[in-house]
Full PDB file with SEQRES, HELIX, SHEET, SSBOND, CRYST1, ORIGX, SCALE, CONECT and MASTER records, all heavy atoms in Angstrom:
SEQRES   1 A   38  SER LEU PHE THR SER SER THR ALA GLN VAL ALA LEU PHE          
SEQRES   2 A   38  ALA LEU VAL SER LEU MET LEU LEU PRO GLY CYS SER SER          
SEQRES   3 A   38  SER PRO SER SER THR ASP VAL ASN LYS GLN THR ALA              
HELIX    1 AA1 THR A    7  GLN A    9  5                                   3    
HELIX    2 AA2 SER A   30  THR A   37  1                                   8    
CRYST1    1.000    1.000    1.000  90.00  90.00  90.00 P 1           1          
ORIGX1      1.000000  0.000000  0.000000        0.00000                         
ORIGX2      0.000000  1.000000  0.000000        0.00000                         
ORIGX3      0.000000  0.000000  1.000000        0.00000                         
SCALE1      1.000000  0.000000  0.000000        0.00000                         
SCALE2      0.000000  1.000000  0.000000        0.00000                         
SCALE3      0.000000  0.000000  1.000000        0.00000                         
ATOM      1  N   SER A   1     -23.709  71.690  95.163  1.00  0.00           N  
ATOM      2  CA  SER A   1     -22.617  71.681  94.195  1.00  0.00           C  
ATOM      3  C   SER A   1     -21.340  71.281  94.897  1.00  0.00           C  
ATOM      4  O   SER A   1     -20.957  71.886  95.883  1.00  0.00           O  
ATOM      5  CB  SER A   1     -22.449  73.064  93.555  1.00  0.00           C  
ATOM      6  OG  SER A   1     -22.219  74.043  94.525  1.00  0.00           O  
ATOM      7  N   LEU A   2     -20.700  70.238  94.398  1.00  0.00           N  
ATOM      8  CA  LEU A   2     -19.440  69.766  94.955  1.00  0.00           C  
ATOM      9  C   LEU A   2     -18.347  70.151  93.979  1.00  0.00           C  
ATOM     10  O   LEU A   2     -18.272  69.617  92.886  1.00  0.00           O  
ATOM     11  CB  LEU A   2     -19.482  68.251  95.135  1.00  0.00           C  
ATOM     12  CG  LEU A   2     -18.181  67.598  95.605  1.00  0.00           C  
ATOM     13  CD1 LEU A   2     -17.794  68.149  96.962  1.00  0.00           C  
ATOM     14  CD2 LEU A   2     -18.337  66.095  95.667  1.00  0.00           C  
ATOM     15  N   PHE A   3     -17.522  71.127  94.370  1.00  0.00           N  
ATOM     16  CA  PHE A   3     -16.508  71.641  93.472  1.00  0.00           C  
ATOM     17  C   PHE A   3     -15.259  70.802  93.611  1.00  0.00           C  
ATOM     18  O   PHE A   3     -14.788  70.563  94.708  1.00  0.00           O  
ATOM     19  CB  PHE A   3     -16.172  73.097  93.815  1.00  0.00           C  
ATOM     20  CG  PHE A   3     -17.357  73.996  93.789  1.00  0.00           C  
ATOM     21  CD1 PHE A   3     -17.924  74.436  94.978  1.00  0.00           C  
ATOM     22  CD2 PHE A   3     -17.915  74.382  92.588  1.00  0.00           C  
ATOM     23  CE1 PHE A   3     -19.025  75.261  94.956  1.00  0.00           C  
ATOM     24  CE2 PHE A   3     -19.011  75.212  92.566  1.00  0.00           C  
ATOM     25  CZ  PHE A   3     -19.567  75.652  93.746  1.00  0.00           C  
ATOM     26  N   THR A   4     -14.702  70.356  92.491  1.00  0.00           N  
ATOM     27  CA  THR A   4     -13.474  69.585  92.525  1.00  0.00           C  
ATOM     28  C   THR A   4     -12.497  70.140  91.522  1.00  0.00           C  
ATOM     29  O   THR A   4     -12.857  70.784  90.549  1.00  0.00           O  
ATOM     30  CB  THR A   4     -13.734  68.104  92.199  1.00  0.00           C  
ATOM     31  OG1 THR A   4     -14.352  68.024  90.915  1.00  0.00           O  
ATOM     32  CG2 THR A   4     -14.637  67.468  93.234  1.00  0.00           C  
ATOM     33  N   SER A   5     -11.224  69.893  91.753  1.00  0.00           N  
ATOM     34  CA  SER A   5     -10.168  70.285  90.831  1.00  0.00           C  
ATOM     35  C   SER A   5      -9.020  69.332  91.051  1.00  0.00           C  
ATOM     36  O   SER A   5      -9.181  68.273  91.649  1.00  0.00           O  
ATOM     37  CB  SER A   5      -9.750  71.731  91.080  1.00  0.00           C  
ATOM     38  OG  SER A   5      -9.235  71.878  92.378  1.00  0.00           O  
ATOM     39  N   SER A   6      -7.840  69.676  90.602  1.00  0.00           N  
ATOM     40  CA  SER A   6      -6.680  68.830  90.826  1.00  0.00           C  
ATOM     41  C   SER A   6      -6.381  68.768  92.314  1.00  0.00           C  
ATOM     42  O   SER A   6      -6.790  69.617  93.088  1.00  0.00           O  
ATOM     43  CB  SER A   6      -5.476  69.394  90.079  1.00  0.00           C  
ATOM     44  OG  SER A   6      -5.098  70.626  90.636  1.00  0.00           O  
ATOM     45  N   THR A   7      -5.632  67.724  92.693  1.00  0.00           N  
ATOM     46  CA  THR A   7      -5.324  67.536  94.113  1.00  0.00           C  
ATOM     47  C   THR A   7      -4.659  68.765  94.703  1.00  0.00           C  
ATOM     48  O   THR A   7      -4.937  69.157  95.835  1.00  0.00           O  
ATOM     49  CB  THR A   7      -4.404  66.318  94.283  1.00  0.00           C  
ATOM     50  OG1 THR A   7      -5.045  65.181  93.731  1.00  0.00           O  
ATOM     51  CG2 THR A   7      -4.076  66.084  95.745  1.00  0.00           C  
ATOM     52  N   ALA A   8      -3.794  69.406  93.956  1.00  0.00           N  
ATOM     53  CA  ALA A   8      -3.078  70.574  94.471  1.00  0.00           C  
ATOM     54  C   ALA A   8      -3.996  71.751  94.686  1.00  0.00           C  
ATOM     55  O   ALA A   8      -3.685  72.653  95.455  1.00  0.00           O  
ATOM     56  CB  ALA A   8      -1.970  70.970  93.503  1.00  0.00           C  
ATOM     57  N   GLN A   9      -5.137  71.765  93.995  1.00  0.00           N  
ATOM     58  CA  GLN A   9      -6.030  72.914  94.079  1.00  0.00           C  
ATOM     59  C   GLN A   9      -7.160  72.719  95.064  1.00  0.00           C  
ATOM     60  O   GLN A   9      -7.870  73.662  95.376  1.00  0.00           O  
ATOM     61  CB  GLN A   9      -6.626  73.191  92.691  1.00  0.00           C  
ATOM     62  CG  GLN A   9      -5.642  73.743  91.699  1.00  0.00           C  
ATOM     63  CD  GLN A   9      -6.295  73.979  90.362  1.00  0.00           C  
ATOM     64  OE1 GLN A   9      -7.077  73.175  89.886  1.00  0.00           O  
ATOM     65  NE2 GLN A   9      -5.983  75.097  89.749  1.00  0.00           N  
ATOM     66  N   VAL A  10      -7.350  71.521  95.556  1.00  0.00           N  
ATOM     67  CA  VAL A  10      -8.510  71.267  96.402  1.00  0.00           C  
ATOM     68  C   VAL A  10      -8.286  71.810  97.800  1.00  0.00           C  
ATOM     69  O   VAL A  10      -7.288  71.519  98.425  1.00  0.00           O  
ATOM     70  CB  VAL A  10      -8.809  69.754  96.471  1.00  0.00           C  
ATOM     71  CG1 VAL A  10      -9.906  69.480  97.487  1.00  0.00           C  
ATOM     72  CG2 VAL A  10      -9.253  69.258  95.105  1.00  0.00           C  
ATOM     73  N   ALA A  11      -9.222  72.594  98.278  1.00  0.00           N  
ATOM     74  CA  ALA A  11      -9.133  73.141  99.634  1.00  0.00           C  
ATOM     75  C   ALA A  11     -10.022  72.303 100.531  1.00  0.00           C  
ATOM     76  O   ALA A  11     -11.229  72.327 100.399  1.00  0.00           O  
ATOM     77  CB  ALA A  11      -9.595  74.585  99.648  1.00  0.00           C  
ATOM     78  N   LEU A  12      -9.406  71.575 101.441  1.00  0.00           N  
ATOM     79  CA  LEU A  12     -10.169  70.668 102.289  1.00  0.00           C  
ATOM     80  C   LEU A  12     -10.629  71.395 103.540  1.00  0.00           C  
ATOM     81  O   LEU A  12     -10.210  71.100 104.644  1.00  0.00           O  
ATOM     82  CB  LEU A  12      -9.299  69.457 102.650  1.00  0.00           C  
ATOM     83  CG  LEU A  12      -8.929  68.583 101.460  1.00  0.00           C  
ATOM     84  CD1 LEU A  12      -7.929  67.529 101.875  1.00  0.00           C  
ATOM     85  CD2 LEU A  12     -10.158  67.932 100.894  1.00  0.00           C  
ATOM     86  N   PHE A  13     -11.492  72.371 103.332  1.00  0.00           N  
ATOM     87  CA  PHE A  13     -12.066  73.125 104.426  1.00  0.00           C  
ATOM     88  C   PHE A  13     -13.541  72.837 104.503  1.00  0.00           C  
ATOM     89  O   PHE A  13     -14.148  72.358 103.558  1.00  0.00           O  
ATOM     90  CB  PHE A  13     -11.831  74.627 104.245  1.00  0.00           C  
ATOM     91  CG  PHE A  13     -10.445  75.052 104.607  1.00  0.00           C  
ATOM     92  CD1 PHE A  13      -9.405  74.886 103.707  1.00  0.00           C  
ATOM     93  CD2 PHE A  13     -10.178  75.606 105.832  1.00  0.00           C  
ATOM     94  CE1 PHE A  13      -8.129  75.275 104.032  1.00  0.00           C  
ATOM     95  CE2 PHE A  13      -8.906  76.004 106.156  1.00  0.00           C  
ATOM     96  CZ  PHE A  13      -7.870  75.833 105.254  1.00  0.00           C  
ATOM     97  N   ALA A  14     -14.140  73.153 105.630  1.00  0.00           N  
ATOM     98  CA  ALA A  14     -15.556  72.850 105.815  1.00  0.00           C  
ATOM     99  C   ALA A  14     -16.416  73.773 104.995  1.00  0.00           C  
ATOM    100  O   ALA A  14     -16.338  74.970 105.134  1.00  0.00           O  
ATOM    101  CB  ALA A  14     -15.924  73.000 107.289  1.00  0.00           C  
ATOM    102  N   LEU A  15     -17.205  73.193 104.122  1.00  0.00           N  
ATOM    103  CA  LEU A  15     -18.289  73.912 103.474  1.00  0.00           C  
ATOM    104  C   LEU A  15     -19.536  73.387 104.139  1.00  0.00           C  
ATOM    105  O   LEU A  15     -19.913  72.251 103.925  1.00  0.00           O  
ATOM    106  CB  LEU A  15     -18.332  73.612 101.978  1.00  0.00           C  
ATOM    107  CG  LEU A  15     -17.896  74.723 101.041  1.00  0.00           C  
ATOM    108  CD1 LEU A  15     -18.200  74.349  99.613  1.00  0.00           C  
ATOM    109  CD2 LEU A  15     -18.514  76.037 101.395  1.00  0.00           C  
ATOM    110  N   VAL A  16     -20.156  74.189 104.948  1.00  0.00           N  
ATOM    111  CA  VAL A  16     -21.212  73.690 105.804  1.00  0.00           C  
ATOM    112  C   VAL A  16     -22.560  74.133 105.299  1.00  0.00           C  
ATOM    113  O   VAL A  16     -22.784  75.307 105.068  1.00  0.00           O  
ATOM    114  CB  VAL A  16     -21.024  74.201 107.247  1.00  0.00           C  
ATOM    115  CG1 VAL A  16     -22.070  73.599 108.163  1.00  0.00           C  
ATOM    116  CG2 VAL A  16     -19.636  73.837 107.734  1.00  0.00           C  
ATOM    117  N   SER A  17     -23.471  73.183 105.120  1.00  0.00           N  
ATOM    118  CA  SER A  17     -24.839  73.547 104.773  1.00  0.00           C  
ATOM    119  C   SER A  17     -25.574  73.977 106.019  1.00  0.00           C  
ATOM    120  O   SER A  17     -25.104  73.804 107.124  1.00  0.00           O  
ATOM    121  CB  SER A  17     -25.576  72.380 104.130  1.00  0.00           C  
ATOM    122  OG  SER A  17     -25.881  71.417 105.100  1.00  0.00           O  
ATOM    123  N   LEU A  18     -26.739  74.567 105.831  1.00  0.00           N  
ATOM    124  CA  LEU A  18     -27.462  75.109 106.968  1.00  0.00           C  
ATOM    125  C   LEU A  18     -27.966  74.048 107.903  1.00  0.00           C  
ATOM    126  O   LEU A  18     -28.321  72.961 107.516  1.00  0.00           O  
ATOM    127  CB  LEU A  18     -28.673  75.941 106.525  1.00  0.00           C  
ATOM    128  CG  LEU A  18     -29.941  75.220 106.086  1.00  0.00           C  
ATOM    129  CD1 LEU A  18     -31.090  76.206 106.071  1.00  0.00           C  
ATOM    130  CD2 LEU A  18     -29.773  74.603 104.732  1.00  0.00           C  
ATOM    131  N   MET A  19     -27.959  74.439 109.180  1.00  0.00           N  
ATOM    132  CA  MET A  19     -28.731  73.706 110.157  1.00  0.00           C  
ATOM    133  C   MET A  19     -30.049  74.451 110.197  1.00  0.00           C  
ATOM    134  O   MET A  19     -30.173  75.477 110.829  1.00  0.00           O  
ATOM    135  CB  MET A  19     -28.053  73.722 111.514  1.00  0.00           C  
ATOM    136  CG  MET A  19     -26.719  73.023 111.506  1.00  0.00           C  
ATOM    137  SD  MET A  19     -26.068  72.863 113.157  1.00  0.00           S  
ATOM    138  CE  MET A  19     -25.921  74.577 113.588  1.00  0.00           C  
ATOM    139  N   LEU A  20     -31.013  73.956 109.505  1.00  0.00           N  
ATOM    140  CA  LEU A  20     -32.241  74.712 109.306  1.00  0.00           C  
ATOM    141  C   LEU A  20     -32.933  74.989 110.629  1.00  0.00           C  
ATOM    142  O   LEU A  20     -33.061  74.134 111.482  1.00  0.00           O  
ATOM    143  CB  LEU A  20     -33.177  73.933 108.373  1.00  0.00           C  
ATOM    144  CG  LEU A  20     -32.662  73.795 106.942  1.00  0.00           C  
ATOM    145  CD1 LEU A  20     -33.584  72.887 106.166  1.00  0.00           C  
ATOM    146  CD2 LEU A  20     -32.564  75.139 106.283  1.00  0.00           C  
ATOM    147  N   LEU A  21     -33.381  76.215 110.723  1.00  0.00           N  
ATOM    148  CA  LEU A  21     -33.942  76.688 111.989  1.00  0.00           C  
ATOM    149  C   LEU A  21     -35.312  76.117 112.287  1.00  0.00           C  
ATOM    150  O   LEU A  21     -36.158  76.048 111.423  1.00  0.00           O  
ATOM    151  CB  LEU A  21     -34.121  78.206 111.922  1.00  0.00           C  
ATOM    152  CG  LEU A  21     -32.879  79.065 111.927  1.00  0.00           C  
ATOM    153  CD1 LEU A  21     -33.300  80.496 111.714  1.00  0.00           C  
ATOM    154  CD2 LEU A  21     -32.162  78.919 113.226  1.00  0.00           C  
ATOM    155  N   PRO A  22     -35.578  75.776 113.537  1.00  0.00           N  
ATOM    156  CA  PRO A  22     -36.959  75.610 113.937  1.00  0.00           C  
ATOM    157  C   PRO A  22     -37.536  76.985 114.180  1.00  0.00           C  
ATOM    158  O   PRO A  22     -36.810  77.903 114.490  1.00  0.00           O  
ATOM    159  CB  PRO A  22     -36.863  74.819 115.238  1.00  0.00           C  
ATOM    160  CG  PRO A  22     -35.527  75.153 115.768  1.00  0.00           C  
ATOM    161  CD  PRO A  22     -34.639  75.472 114.586  1.00  0.00           C  
ATOM    162  N   GLY A  23     -38.812  77.143 114.071  1.00  0.00           N  
ATOM    163  CA  GLY A  23     -39.392  78.458 114.284  1.00  0.00           C  
ATOM    164  C   GLY A  23     -40.655  78.361 115.095  1.00  0.00           C  
ATOM    165  O   GLY A  23     -41.394  77.412 115.002  1.00  0.00           O  
ATOM    166  N   CYS A  24     -40.893  79.374 115.896  1.00  0.00           N  
ATOM    167  CA  CYS A  24     -42.149  79.469 116.600  1.00  0.00           C  
ATOM    168  C   CYS A  24     -42.371  80.924 116.943  1.00  0.00           C  
ATOM    169  O   CYS A  24     -41.474  81.736 116.826  1.00  0.00           O  
ATOM    170  CB  CYS A  24     -42.156  78.622 117.877  1.00  0.00           C  
ATOM    171  SG  CYS A  24     -40.956  79.128 119.103  1.00  0.00           S  
ATOM    172  N   SER A  25     -43.545  81.259 117.362  1.00  0.00           N  
ATOM    173  CA  SER A  25     -43.836  82.617 117.790  1.00  0.00           C  
ATOM    174  C   SER A  25     -44.670  82.534 119.044  1.00  0.00           C  
ATOM    175  O   SER A  25     -45.071  81.459 119.471  1.00  0.00           O  
ATOM    176  CB  SER A  25     -44.595  83.366 116.690  1.00  0.00           C  
ATOM    177  OG  SER A  25     -45.833  82.748 116.446  1.00  0.00           O  
ATOM    178  N   SER A  26     -44.943  83.675 119.642  1.00  0.00           N  
ATOM    179  CA  SER A  26     -45.713  83.653 120.870  1.00  0.00           C  
ATOM    180  C   SER A  26     -47.097  83.088 120.640  1.00  0.00           C  
ATOM    181  O   SER A  26     -47.669  82.438 121.504  1.00  0.00           O  
ATOM    182  CB  SER A  26     -45.807  85.078 121.440  1.00  0.00           C  
ATOM    183  OG  SER A  26     -46.376  85.951 120.481  1.00  0.00           O  
ATOM    184  N   SER A  27     -47.660  83.327 119.470  1.00  0.00           N  
ATOM    185  CA  SER A  27     -48.942  82.742 119.115  1.00  0.00           C  
ATOM    186  C   SER A  27     -48.826  82.173 117.708  1.00  0.00           C  
ATOM    187  O   SER A  27     -49.264  82.768 116.725  1.00  0.00           O  
ATOM    188  CB  SER A  27     -50.048  83.813 119.161  1.00  0.00           C  
ATOM    189  OG  SER A  27     -50.153  84.377 120.440  1.00  0.00           O  
ATOM    190  N   PRO A  28     -48.182  81.013 117.582  1.00  0.00           N  
ATOM    191  CA  PRO A  28     -47.854  80.511 116.259  1.00  0.00           C  
ATOM    192  C   PRO A  28     -49.084  80.116 115.474  1.00  0.00           C  
ATOM    193  O   PRO A  28     -50.003  79.504 115.996  1.00  0.00           O  
ATOM    194  CB  PRO A  28     -46.971  79.285 116.553  1.00  0.00           C  
ATOM    195  CG  PRO A  28     -47.360  78.854 117.931  1.00  0.00           C  
ATOM    196  CD  PRO A  28     -47.731  80.114 118.657  1.00  0.00           C  
ATOM    197  N   SER A  29     -49.083  80.498 114.190  1.00  0.00           N  
ATOM    198  CA  SER A  29     -50.131  80.046 113.292  1.00  0.00           C  
ATOM    199  C   SER A  29     -49.805  78.637 112.851  1.00  0.00           C  
ATOM    200  O   SER A  29     -48.723  78.112 113.111  1.00  0.00           O  
ATOM    201  CB  SER A  29     -50.174  80.961 112.068  1.00  0.00           C  
ATOM    202  OG  SER A  29     -48.984  80.827 111.321  1.00  0.00           O  
ATOM    203  N   SER A  30     -50.743  77.998 112.157  1.00  0.00           N  
ATOM    204  CA  SER A  30     -50.473  76.655 111.674  1.00  0.00           C  
ATOM    205  C   SER A  30     -49.310  76.667 110.698  1.00  0.00           C  
ATOM    206  O   SER A  30     -48.513  75.730 110.640  1.00  0.00           O  
ATOM    207  CB  SER A  30     -51.721  76.082 110.993  1.00  0.00           C  
ATOM    208  OG  SER A  30     -52.118  76.896 109.903  1.00  0.00           O  
ATOM    209  N   THR A  31     -49.177  77.758 109.933  1.00  0.00           N  
ATOM    210  CA  THR A  31     -48.049  77.872 109.009  1.00  0.00           C  
ATOM    211  C   THR A  31     -46.738  77.908 109.767  1.00  0.00           C  
ATOM    212  O   THR A  31     -45.760  77.249 109.393  1.00  0.00           O  
ATOM    213  CB  THR A  31     -48.180  79.148 108.159  1.00  0.00           C  
ATOM    214  OG1 THR A  31     -49.381  79.075 107.395  1.00  0.00           O  
ATOM    215  CG2 THR A  31     -46.988  79.295 107.217  1.00  0.00           C  
ATOM    216  N   ASP A  32     -46.707  78.671 110.869  1.00  0.00           N  
ATOM    217  CA  ASP A  32     -45.483  78.760 111.656  1.00  0.00           C  
ATOM    218  C   ASP A  32     -45.157  77.441 112.336  1.00  0.00           C  
ATOM    219  O   ASP A  32     -43.990  77.070 112.467  1.00  0.00           O  
ATOM    220  CB  ASP A  32     -45.605  79.869 112.702  1.00  0.00           C  
ATOM    221  CG  ASP A  32     -45.600  81.254 112.071  1.00  0.00           C  
ATOM    222  OD1 ASP A  32     -45.241  81.349 110.889  1.00  0.00           O  
ATOM    223  OD2 ASP A  32     -45.973  82.216 112.751  1.00  0.00           O  
ATOM    224  N   VAL A  33     -46.166  76.718 112.778  1.00  0.00           N  
ATOM    225  CA  VAL A  33     -45.925  75.410 113.382  1.00  0.00           C  
ATOM    226  C   VAL A  33     -45.336  74.466 112.348  1.00  0.00           C  
ATOM    227  O   VAL A  33     -44.395  73.717 112.621  1.00  0.00           O  
ATOM    228  CB  VAL A  33     -47.229  74.831 113.959  1.00  0.00           C  
ATOM    229  CG1 VAL A  33     -47.015  73.374 114.375  1.00  0.00           C  
ATOM    230  CG2 VAL A  33     -47.686  75.641 115.162  1.00  0.00           C  
ATOM    231  N   ASN A  34     -45.870  74.509 111.124  1.00  0.00           N  
ATOM    232  CA  ASN A  34     -45.317  73.687 110.062  1.00  0.00           C  
ATOM    233  C   ASN A  34     -43.880  74.082 109.759  1.00  0.00           C  
ATOM    234  O   ASN A  34     -43.024  73.247 109.487  1.00  0.00           O  
ATOM    235  CB  ASN A  34     -46.163  73.819 108.790  1.00  0.00           C  
ATOM    236  CG  ASN A  34     -47.517  73.171 108.941  1.00  0.00           C  
ATOM    237  OD1 ASN A  34     -47.692  72.286 109.767  1.00  0.00           O  
ATOM    238  ND2 ASN A  34     -48.482  73.608 108.143  1.00  0.00           N  
ATOM    239  N   LYS A  35     -43.624  75.383 109.815  1.00  0.00           N  
ATOM    240  CA  LYS A  35     -42.270  75.872 109.568  1.00  0.00           C  
ATOM    241  C   LYS A  35     -41.335  75.369 110.655  1.00  0.00           C  
ATOM    242  O   LYS A  35     -40.208  74.978 110.396  1.00  0.00           O  
ATOM    243  CB  LYS A  35     -42.267  77.401 109.518  1.00  0.00           C  
ATOM    244  CG  LYS A  35     -40.946  77.988 109.064  1.00  0.00           C  
ATOM    245  CD  LYS A  35     -41.010  79.496 108.925  1.00  0.00           C  
ATOM    246  CE  LYS A  35     -42.000  79.912 107.863  1.00  0.00           C  
ATOM    247  NZ  LYS A  35     -41.974  81.365 107.637  1.00  0.00           N  
ATOM    248  N   GLN A  36     -41.822  75.363 111.887  1.00  0.00           N  
ATOM    249  CA  GLN A  36     -41.010  74.863 112.986  1.00  0.00           C  
ATOM    250  C   GLN A  36     -40.647  73.413 112.746  1.00  0.00           C  
ATOM    251  O   GLN A  36     -39.496  73.008 112.901  1.00  0.00           O  
ATOM    252  CB  GLN A  36     -41.759  74.988 114.314  1.00  0.00           C  
ATOM    253  CG  GLN A  36     -41.001  74.377 115.486  1.00  0.00           C  
ATOM    254  CD  GLN A  36     -41.758  74.527 116.781  1.00  0.00           C  
ATOM    255  OE1 GLN A  36     -42.796  75.147 116.837  1.00  0.00           O  
ATOM    256  NE2 GLN A  36     -41.233  73.949 117.825  1.00  0.00           N  
ATOM    257  N   THR A  37     -41.620  72.606 112.358  1.00  0.00           N  
ATOM    258  CA  THR A  37     -41.365  71.189 112.140  1.00  0.00           C  
ATOM    259  C   THR A  37     -40.386  70.984 110.990  1.00  0.00           C  
ATOM    260  O   THR A  37     -39.460  70.182 111.074  1.00  0.00           O  
ATOM    261  CB  THR A  37     -42.680  70.462 111.822  1.00  0.00           C  
ATOM    262  OG1 THR A  37     -43.575  70.640 112.913  1.00  0.00           O  
ATOM    263  CG2 THR A  37     -42.437  68.978 111.599  1.00  0.00           C  
ATOM    264  N   ALA A  38     -40.589  71.733 109.908  1.00  0.00           N  
ATOM    265  CA  ALA A  38     -39.769  71.543 108.723  1.00  0.00           C  
ATOM    266  C   ALA A  38     -38.371  72.084 108.896  1.00  0.00           C  
ATOM    267  O   ALA A  38     -37.446  71.637 108.223  1.00  0.00           O  
ATOM    268  CB  ALA A  38     -40.430  72.216 107.521  1.00  0.00           C  
TER     269      ALA A  38                                                      
MASTER        0    0    0    2    0    0    0    6  268    1    0    3          
END                                                                             
């Protein structure tokens, strides 16, 4: 969602989306490996 309003109301600050995590475990399952990749 990109919120906009009048120029006077717009706050030009960083709205940052996630840097999605890679994941792994000591003995990763195939699901966890897929999660790591995704």
